[in-house]
Amino acid sequence: MAYDEKLDVVLWKGSVGNLQVTVQKYKDGEAKLQIGPRLVVEEGKEDKFFKAGRLTAEEFDYIIKSAPEIKKAMTGTASKKK
């Protein structure tokens, strides 16, 4: 079966700097945490996405501070955040 974008649901979304952090669920599967991609926007150019790679202390702190919200999203006890 091919991937269907309509079945991919974002349960929680946050970002710090250019790093995106999401909790997503596909179809009836379990919710999973995704760290990345990085979105780099350059004036006059197309937006580019890169792997998350190594995290800065600020990015790590953001994830740690967001952990309760992330956990709630992953266990189905939180509302969607944009």
PDB file of N, CA and C in Angstrom:
ATOM      1  N   MET A   1       0.841  -1.172   0.000  1.00  0.00           N
ATOM      2  CA  MET A   1       0.000   0.000   0.000  1.00  0.00           C
ATOM      3  C   MET A   1       0.893   1.244   0.000  1.00  0.00           C
ATOM      4  N   ALA A   2       0.545   2.190  -0.820  1.00  0.00           N
ATOM      5  CA  ALA A   2       1.322   3.424  -0.943  1.00  0.00           C
ATOM      6  C   ALA A   2       0.997   4.402   0.180  1.00  0.00           C
ATOM      7  N   TYR A   3       1.957   5.269   0.469  1.00  0.00           N
ATOM      8  CA  TYR A   3       1.786   6.316   1.472  1.00  0.00           C
ATOM      9  C   TYR A   3       0.673   7.264   1.039  1.00  0.00           C
ATOM     10  N   ASP A   4      -0.213   7.616   1.960  1.00  0.00           N
ATOM     11  CA  ASP A   4      -1.304   8.549   1.697  1.00  0.00           C
ATOM     12  C   ASP A   4      -1.182   9.709   2.678  1.00  0.00           C
ATOM     13  N   GLU A   5      -0.844  10.868   2.180  1.00  0.00           N
ATOM     14  CA  GLU A   5      -0.629  12.061   3.015  1.00  0.00           C
ATOM     15  C   GLU A   5      -1.839  12.394   3.876  1.00  0.00           C
ATOM     16  N   LYS A   6      -3.035  12.079   3.424  1.00  0.00           N
ATOM     17  CA  LYS A   6      -4.259  12.383   4.165  1.00  0.00           C
ATOM     18  C   LYS A   6      -4.373  11.575   5.453  1.00  0.00           C
ATOM     19  N   LEU A   7      -3.666  10.453   5.543  1.00  0.00           N
ATOM     20  CA  LEU A   7      -3.726   9.595   6.726  1.00  0.00           C
ATOM     21  C   LEU A   7      -2.651   9.933   7.753  1.00  0.00           C
ATOM     22  N   ASP A   8      -1.773  10.873   7.432  1.00  0.00           N
ATOM     23  CA  ASP A   8      -0.697  11.294   8.321  1.00  0.00           C
ATOM     24  C   ASP A   8      -1.191  12.490   9.131  1.00  0.00           C
ATOM     25  N   VAL A   9      -1.334  12.314  10.446  1.00  0.00           N
ATOM     26  CA  VAL A   9      -1.921  13.333  11.308  1.00  0.00           C
ATOM     27  C   VAL A   9      -0.858  13.912  12.235  1.00  0.00           C
ATOM     28  N   VAL A  10      -0.795  15.253  12.301  1.00  0.00           N
ATOM     29  CA  VAL A  10       0.102  15.933  13.233  1.00  0.00           C
ATOM     30  C   VAL A  10      -0.673  16.160  14.524  1.00  0.00           C
ATOM     31  N   LEU A  11      -0.190  15.567  15.615  1.00  0.00           N
ATOM     32  CA  LEU A  11      -0.855  15.678  16.909  1.00  0.00           C
ATOM     33  C   LEU A  11      -0.310  16.825  17.750  1.00  0.00           C
ATOM     34  N   TRP A  12       0.937  17.191  17.517  1.00  0.00           N
ATOM     35  CA  TRP A  12       1.589  18.276  18.246  1.00  0.00           C
ATOM     36  C   TRP A  12       2.704  18.817  17.372  1.00  0.00           C
ATOM     37  N   LYS A  13       2.884  20.126  17.406  1.00  0.00           N
ATOM     38  CA  LYS A  13       3.922  20.736  16.575  1.00  0.00           C
ATOM     39  C   LYS A  13       4.556  21.893  17.323  1.00  0.00           C
ATOM     40  N   GLY A  14       5.867  21.970  17.269  1.00  0.00           N
ATOM     41  CA  GLY A  14       6.593  23.075  17.865  1.00  0.00           C
ATOM     42  C   GLY A  14       7.877  23.307  17.083  1.00  0.00           C
ATOM     43  N   SER A  15       8.522  24.412  17.360  1.00  0.00           N
ATOM     44  CA  SER A  15       9.791  24.681  16.687  1.00  0.00           C
ATOM     45  C   SER A  15      10.640  25.577  17.571  1.00  0.00           C
ATOM     46  N   VAL A  16      11.933  25.447  17.387  1.00  0.00           N
ATOM     47  CA  VAL A  16      12.902  26.293  18.067  1.00  0.00           C
ATOM     48  C   VAL A  16      13.963  26.631  17.027  1.00  0.00           C
ATOM     49  N   GLY A  17      14.150  27.911  16.788  1.00  0.00           N
ATOM     50  CA  GLY A  17      15.050  28.303  15.703  1.00  0.00           C
ATOM     51  C   GLY A  17      14.507  27.743  14.401  1.00  0.00           C
ATOM     52  N   ASN A  18      15.349  27.040  13.662  1.00  0.00           N
ATOM     53  CA  ASN A  18      14.906  26.455  12.394  1.00  0.00           C
ATOM     54  C   ASN A  18      14.587  24.964  12.512  1.00  0.00           C
ATOM     55  N   LEU A  19      14.573  24.449  13.746  1.00  0.00           N
ATOM     56  CA  LEU A  19      14.311  23.034  13.992  1.00  0.00           C
ATOM     57  C   LEU A  19      12.829  22.801  14.266  1.00  0.00           C
ATOM     58  N   GLN A  20      12.237  21.861  13.532  1.00  0.00           N
ATOM     59  CA  GLN A  20      10.847  21.503  13.743  1.00  0.00           C
ATOM     60  C   GLN A  20      10.769  20.239  14.592  1.00  0.00           C
ATOM     61  N   VAL A  21       9.818  20.227  15.525  1.00  0.00           N
ATOM     62  CA  VAL A  21       9.597  19.062  16.382  1.00  0.00           C
ATOM     63  C   VAL A  21       8.107  18.738  16.292  1.00  0.00           C
ATOM     64  N   THR A  22       7.769  17.491  15.954  1.00  0.00           N
ATOM     65  CA  THR A  22       6.370  17.120  15.823  1.00  0.00           C
ATOM     66  C   THR A  22       6.103  15.754  16.429  1.00  0.00           C
ATOM     67  N   VAL A  23       4.846  15.553  16.796  1.00  0.00           N
ATOM     68  CA  VAL A  23       4.344  14.227  17.136  1.00  0.00           C
ATOM     69  C   VAL A  23       3.348  13.912  16.034  1.00  0.00           C
ATOM     70  N   GLN A  24       3.562  12.801  15.354  1.00  0.00           N
ATOM     71  CA  GLN A  24       2.712  12.429  14.236  1.00  0.00           C
ATOM     72  C   GLN A  24       2.239  10.991  14.374  1.00  0.00           C
ATOM     73  N   LYS A  25       1.130  10.726  13.695  1.00  0.00           N
ATOM     74  CA  LYS A  25       0.551   9.392  13.716  1.00  0.00           C
ATOM     75  C   LYS A  25       0.072   9.092  12.307  1.00  0.00           C
ATOM     76  N   TYR A  26       0.366   7.902  11.813  1.00  0.00           N
ATOM     77  CA  TYR A  26      -0.088   7.507  10.481  1.00  0.00           C
ATOM     78  C   TYR A  26      -1.180   6.462  10.613  1.00  0.00           C
ATOM     79  N   LYS A  27      -2.323   6.764  10.038  1.00  0.00           N
ATOM     80  CA  LYS A  27      -3.480   5.872  10.039  1.00  0.00           C
ATOM     81  C   LYS A  27      -3.808   5.461  11.467  1.00  0.00           C
ATOM     82  N   ASP A  28      -3.810   4.177  11.771  1.00  0.00           N
ATOM     83  CA  ASP A  28      -4.135   3.694  13.120  1.00  0.00           C
ATOM     84  C   ASP A  28      -2.889   3.342  13.914  1.00  0.00           C
ATOM     85  N   GLY A  29      -1.723   3.756  13.435  1.00  0.00           N
ATOM     86  CA  GLY A  29      -0.466   3.442  14.100  1.00  0.00           C
ATOM     87  C   GLY A  29      -0.292   4.257  15.373  1.00  0.00           C
ATOM     88  N   GLU A  30       0.803   3.966  16.074  1.00  0.00           N
ATOM     89  CA  GLU A  30       1.080   4.698  17.309  1.00  0.00           C
ATOM     90  C   GLU A  30       1.684   6.067  16.995  1.00  0.00           C
ATOM     91  N   ALA A  31       1.480   7.005  17.907  1.00  0.00           N
ATOM     92  CA  ALA A  31       2.051   8.340  17.761  1.00  0.00           C
ATOM     93  C   ALA A  31       3.553   8.266  17.983  1.00  0.00           C
ATOM     94  N   LYS A  32       4.303   9.015  17.160  1.00  0.00           N
ATOM     95  CA  LYS A  32       5.763   9.004  17.251  1.00  0.00           C
ATOM     96  C   LYS A  32       6.311  10.422  17.208  1.00  0.00           C
ATOM     97  N   LEU A  33       7.419  10.605  17.910  1.00  0.00           N
ATOM     98  CA  LEU A  33       8.103  11.894  17.959  1.00  0.00           C
ATOM     99  C   LEU A  33       9.072  12.003  16.791  1.00  0.00           C
ATOM    100  N   GLN A  34       9.024  13.127  16.096  1.00  0.00           N
ATOM    101  CA  GLN A  34       9.979  13.394  15.020  1.00  0.00           C
ATOM    102  C   GLN A  34      10.726  14.674  15.353  1.00  0.00           C
ATOM    103  N   ILE A  35      12.049  14.581  15.394  1.00  0.00           N
ATOM    104  CA  ILE A  35      12.895  15.749  15.612  1.00  0.00           C
ATOM    105  C   ILE A  35      13.520  16.092  14.272  1.00  0.00           C
ATOM    106  N   GLY A  36      13.123  17.206  13.717  1.00  0.00           N
ATOM    107  CA  GLY A  36      13.569  17.632  12.402  1.00  0.00           C
ATOM    108  C   GLY A  36      12.410  17.537  11.434  1.00  0.00           C
ATOM    109  N   PRO A  37      12.574  18.090  10.299  1.00  0.00           N
ATOM    110  CA  PRO A  37      13.786  18.612   9.692  1.00  0.00           C
ATOM    111  C   PRO A  37      14.073  20.054  10.143  1.00  0.00           C
ATOM    112  N   ARG A  38      15.165  20.552   9.646  1.00  0.00           N
ATOM    113  CA  ARG A  38      15.498  21.962   9.809  1.00  0.00           C
ATOM    114  C   ARG A  38      15.026  22.684   8.545  1.00  0.00           C
ATOM    115  N   LEU A  39      14.382  23.812   8.728  1.00  0.00           N
ATOM    116  CA  LEU A  39      13.912  24.612   7.606  1.00  0.00           C
ATOM    117  C   LEU A  39      14.817  25.827   7.485  1.00  0.00           C
ATOM    118  N   VAL A  40      15.492  25.930   6.370  1.00  0.00           N
ATOM    119  CA  VAL A  40      16.376  27.066   6.124  1.00  0.00           C
ATOM    120  C   VAL A  40      15.756  27.932   5.031  1.00  0.00           C
ATOM    121  N   VAL A  41      15.504  29.191   5.382  1.00  0.00           N
ATOM    122  CA  VAL A  41      14.889  30.134   4.455  1.00  0.00           C
ATOM    123  C   VAL A  41      15.928  31.175   4.083  1.00  0.00           C
ATOM    124  N   GLU A  42      16.218  31.254   2.799  1.00  0.00           N
ATOM    125  CA  GLU A  42      17.159  32.260   2.308  1.00  0.00           C
ATOM    126  C   GLU A  42      16.403  33.217   1.410  1.00  0.00           C
ATOM    127  N   GLU A  43      16.640  34.494   1.610  1.00  0.00           N
ATOM    128  CA  GLU A  43      15.950  35.521   0.840  1.00  0.00           C
ATOM    129  C   GLU A  43      16.169  35.308  -0.658  1.00  0.00           C
ATOM    130  N   GLY A  44      15.073  35.311  -1.398  1.00  0.00           N
ATOM    131  CA  GLY A  44      15.141  35.168  -2.846  1.00  0.00           C
ATOM    132  C   GLY A  44      15.362  33.741  -3.324  1.00  0.00           C
ATOM    133  N   LYS A  45      15.381  32.774  -2.413  1.00  0.00           N
ATOM    134  CA  LYS A  45      15.585  31.368  -2.792  1.00  0.00           C
ATOM    135  C   LYS A  45      14.456  30.520  -2.231  1.00  0.00           C
ATOM    136  N   GLU A  46      14.347  29.300  -2.744  1.00  0.00           N
ATOM    137  CA  GLU A  46      13.358  28.362  -2.224  1.00  0.00           C
ATOM    138  C   GLU A  46      13.752  27.909  -0.826  1.00  0.00           C
ATOM    139  N   ASP A  47      12.743  27.628   0.005  1.00  0.00           N
ATOM    140  CA  ASP A  47      13.004  27.067   1.337  1.00  0.00           C
ATOM    141  C   ASP A  47      13.651  25.695   1.171  1.00  0.00           C
ATOM    142  N   LYS A  48      14.599  25.371   2.050  1.00  0.00           N
ATOM    143  CA  LYS A  48      15.277  24.077   1.996  1.00  0.00           C
ATOM    144  C   LYS A  48      15.094  23.362   3.323  1.00  0.00           C
ATOM    145  N   PHE A  49      14.960  22.056   3.249  1.00  0.00           N
ATOM    146  CA  PHE A  49      14.839  21.222   4.437  1.00  0.00           C
ATOM    147  C   PHE A  49      16.088  20.369   4.571  1.00  0.00           C
ATOM    148  N   PHE A  50      16.594  20.262   5.809  1.00  0.00           N
ATOM    149  CA  PHE A  50      17.787  19.474   6.100  1.00  0.00           C
ATOM    150  C   PHE A  50      17.511  18.549   7.280  1.00  0.00           C
ATOM    151  N   LYS A  51      18.286  17.473   7.391  1.00  0.00           N
ATOM    152  CA  LYS A  51      18.197  16.594   8.559  1.00  0.00           C
ATOM    153  C   LYS A  51      18.488  17.408   9.810  1.00  0.00           C
ATOM    154  N   ALA A  52      17.944  16.965  10.930  1.00  0.00           N
ATOM    155  CA  ALA A  52      18.145  17.687  12.188  1.00  0.00           C
ATOM    156  C   ALA A  52      19.609  17.681  12.607  1.00  0.00           C
ATOM    157  N   GLY A  53      20.279  16.559  12.434  1.00  0.00           N
ATOM    158  CA  GLY A  53      21.682  16.481  12.836  1.00  0.00           C
ATOM    159  C   GLY A  53      21.843  16.668  14.333  1.00  0.00           C
ATOM    160  N   ARG A  54      22.906  17.280  14.732  1.00  0.00           N
ATOM    161  CA  ARG A  54      23.194  17.509  16.153  1.00  0.00           C
ATOM    162  C   ARG A  54      22.371  18.676  16.682  1.00  0.00           C
ATOM    163  N   LEU A  55      21.992  18.572  17.958  1.00  0.00           N
ATOM    164  CA  LEU A  55      21.183  19.615  18.580  1.00  0.00           C
ATOM    165  C   LEU A  55      22.042  20.563  19.393  1.00  0.00           C
ATOM    166  N   THR A  56      21.640  21.824  19.411  1.00  0.00           N
ATOM    167  CA  THR A  56      22.291  22.801  20.288  1.00  0.00           C
ATOM    168  C   THR A  56      21.711  22.643  21.689  1.00  0.00           C
ATOM    169  N   ALA A  57      22.335  23.269  22.658  1.00  0.00           N
ATOM    170  CA  ALA A  57      21.824  23.245  24.030  1.00  0.00           C
ATOM    171  C   ALA A  57      20.434  23.879  24.087  1.00  0.00           C
ATOM    172  N   GLU A  58      20.214  24.946  23.328  1.00  0.00           N
ATOM    173  CA  GLU A  58      18.906  25.618  23.285  1.00  0.00           C
ATOM    174  C   GLU A  58      17.832  24.677  22.733  1.00  0.00           C
ATOM    175  N   GLU A  59      18.147  23.960  21.673  1.00  0.00           N
ATOM    176  CA  GLU A  59      17.192  23.022  21.079  1.00  0.00           C
ATOM    177  C   GLU A  59      16.884  21.878  22.042  1.00  0.00           C
ATOM    178  N   PHE A  60      17.918  21.365  22.693  1.00  0.00           N
ATOM    179  CA  PHE A  60      17.739  20.290  23.667  1.00  0.00           C
ATOM    180  C   PHE A  60      16.856  20.764  24.824  1.00  0.00           C
ATOM    181  N   ASP A  61      17.115  21.974  25.331  1.00  0.00           N
ATOM    182  CA  ASP A  61      16.307  22.541  26.411  1.00  0.00           C
ATOM    183  C   ASP A  61      14.840  22.667  25.995  1.00  0.00           C
ATOM    184  N   TYR A  62      14.602  23.102  24.753  1.00  0.00           N
ATOM    185  CA  TYR A  62      13.233  23.236  24.254  1.00  0.00           C
ATOM    186  C   TYR A  62      12.513  21.890  24.280  1.00  0.00           C
ATOM    187  N   ILE A  63      13.192  20.851  23.832  1.00  0.00           N
ATOM    188  CA  ILE A  63      12.582  19.521  23.810  1.00  0.00           C
ATOM    189  C   ILE A  63      12.311  19.035  25.230  1.00  0.00           C
ATOM    190  N   ILE A  64      13.265  19.230  26.124  1.00  0.00           N
ATOM    191  CA  ILE A  64      13.084  18.812  27.516  1.00  0.00           C
ATOM    192  C   ILE A  64      11.906  19.570  28.157  1.00  0.00           C
ATOM    193  N   LYS A  65      11.846  20.873  27.950  1.00  0.00           N
ATOM    194  CA  LYS A  65      10.762  21.674  28.529  1.00  0.00           C
ATOM    195  C   LYS A  65       9.405  21.320  27.922  1.00  0.00           C
ATOM    196  N   SER A  66       9.402  20.881  26.669  1.00  0.00           N
ATOM    197  CA  SER A  66       8.164  20.510  25.980  1.00  0.00           C
ATOM    198  C   SER A  66       7.779  19.057  26.226  1.00  0.00           C
ATOM    199  N   ALA A  67       8.621  18.311  26.913  1.00  0.00           N
ATOM    200  CA  ALA A  67       8.398  16.874  27.111  1.00  0.00           C
ATOM    201  C   ALA A  67       7.016  16.534  27.677  1.00  0.00           C
ATOM    202  N   PRO A  68       6.502  17.251  28.670  1.00  0.00           N
ATOM    203  CA  PRO A  68       5.157  16.903  29.162  1.00  0.00           C
ATOM    204  C   PRO A  68       4.074  17.034  28.082  1.00  0.00           C
ATOM    205  N   GLU A  69       4.134  18.107  27.294  1.00  0.00           N
ATOM    206  CA  GLU A  69       3.164  18.294  26.210  1.00  0.00           C
ATOM    207  C   GLU A  69       3.336  17.206  25.151  1.00  0.00           C
ATOM    208  N   ILE A  70       4.585  16.899  24.824  1.00  0.00           N
ATOM    209  CA  ILE A  70       4.880  15.871  23.824  1.00  0.00           C
ATOM    210  C   ILE A  70       4.334  14.529  24.296  1.00  0.00           C
ATOM    211  N   LYS A  71       4.573  14.185  25.545  1.00  0.00           N
ATOM    212  CA  LYS A  71       4.097  12.912  26.107  1.00  0.00           C
ATOM    213  C   LYS A  71       2.578  12.834  26.058  1.00  0.00           C
ATOM    214  N   LYS A  72       1.904  13.930  26.406  1.00  0.00           N
ATOM    215  CA  LYS A  72       0.434  13.954  26.347  1.00  0.00           C
ATOM    216  C   LYS A  72      -0.062  13.719  24.923  1.00  0.00           C
ATOM    217  N   ALA A  73       0.578  14.355  23.953  1.00  0.00           N
ATOM    218  CA  ALA A  73       0.199  14.168  22.554  1.00  0.00           C
ATOM    219  C   ALA A  73       0.403  12.728  22.113  1.00  0.00           C
ATOM    220  N   MET A  74       1.487  12.131  22.581  1.00  0.00           N
ATOM    221  CA  MET A  74       1.812  10.755  22.185  1.00  0.00           C
ATOM    222  C   MET A  74       0.870   9.734  22.822  1.00  0.00           C
ATOM    223  N   THR A  75       0.322  10.060  23.983  1.00  0.00           N
ATOM    224  CA  THR A  75      -0.569   9.127  24.667  1.00  0.00           C
ATOM    225  C   THR A  75      -2.044   9.457  24.436  1.00  0.00           C
ATOM    226  N   GLY A  76      -2.295  10.491  23.621  1.00  0.00           N
ATOM    227  CA  GLY A  76      -3.682  10.822  23.258  1.00  0.00           C
ATOM    228  C   GLY A  76      -4.443  11.627  24.279  1.00  0.00           C
ATOM    229  N   THR A  77      -3.734  12.305  25.172  1.00  0.00           N
ATOM    230  CA  THR A  77      -4.440  13.081  26.197  1.00  0.00           C
ATOM    231  C   THR A  77      -4.276  14.582  26.012  1.00  0.00           C
ATOM    232  N   ALA A  78      -3.863  15.005  24.826  1.00  0.00           N
ATOM    233  CA  ALA A  78      -3.673  16.449  24.571  1.00  0.00           C
ATOM    234  C   ALA A  78      -4.427  16.873  23.332  1.00  0.00           C
ATOM    235  N   SER A  79      -4.725  18.145  23.265  1.00  0.00           N
ATOM    236  CA  SER A  79      -5.338  18.684  22.057  1.00  0.00           C
ATOM    237  C   SER A  79      -4.249  19.061  21.077  1.00  0.00           C
ATOM    238  N   LYS A  80      -4.615  19.233  19.826  1.00  0.00           N
ATOM    239  CA  LYS A  80      -3.642  19.594  18.800  1.00  0.00           C
ATOM    240  C   LYS A  80      -3.091  20.986  19.051  1.00  0.00           C
ATOM    241  N   LYS A  81      -1.804  21.174  18.772  1.00  0.00           N
ATOM    242  CA  LYS A  81      -1.145  22.467  18.938  1.00  0.00           C
ATOM    243  C   LYS A  81      -0.497  22.827  17.609  1.00  0.00           C
ATOM    244  N   LYS A  82      -0.569  24.071  17.251  1.00  0.00           N
ATOM    245  CA  LYS A  82       0.054  24.499  15.986  1.00  0.00           C
ATOM    246  C   LYS A  82       1.077  25.549  16.264  1.00  0.00           C
TER     247      LYS A  82
END
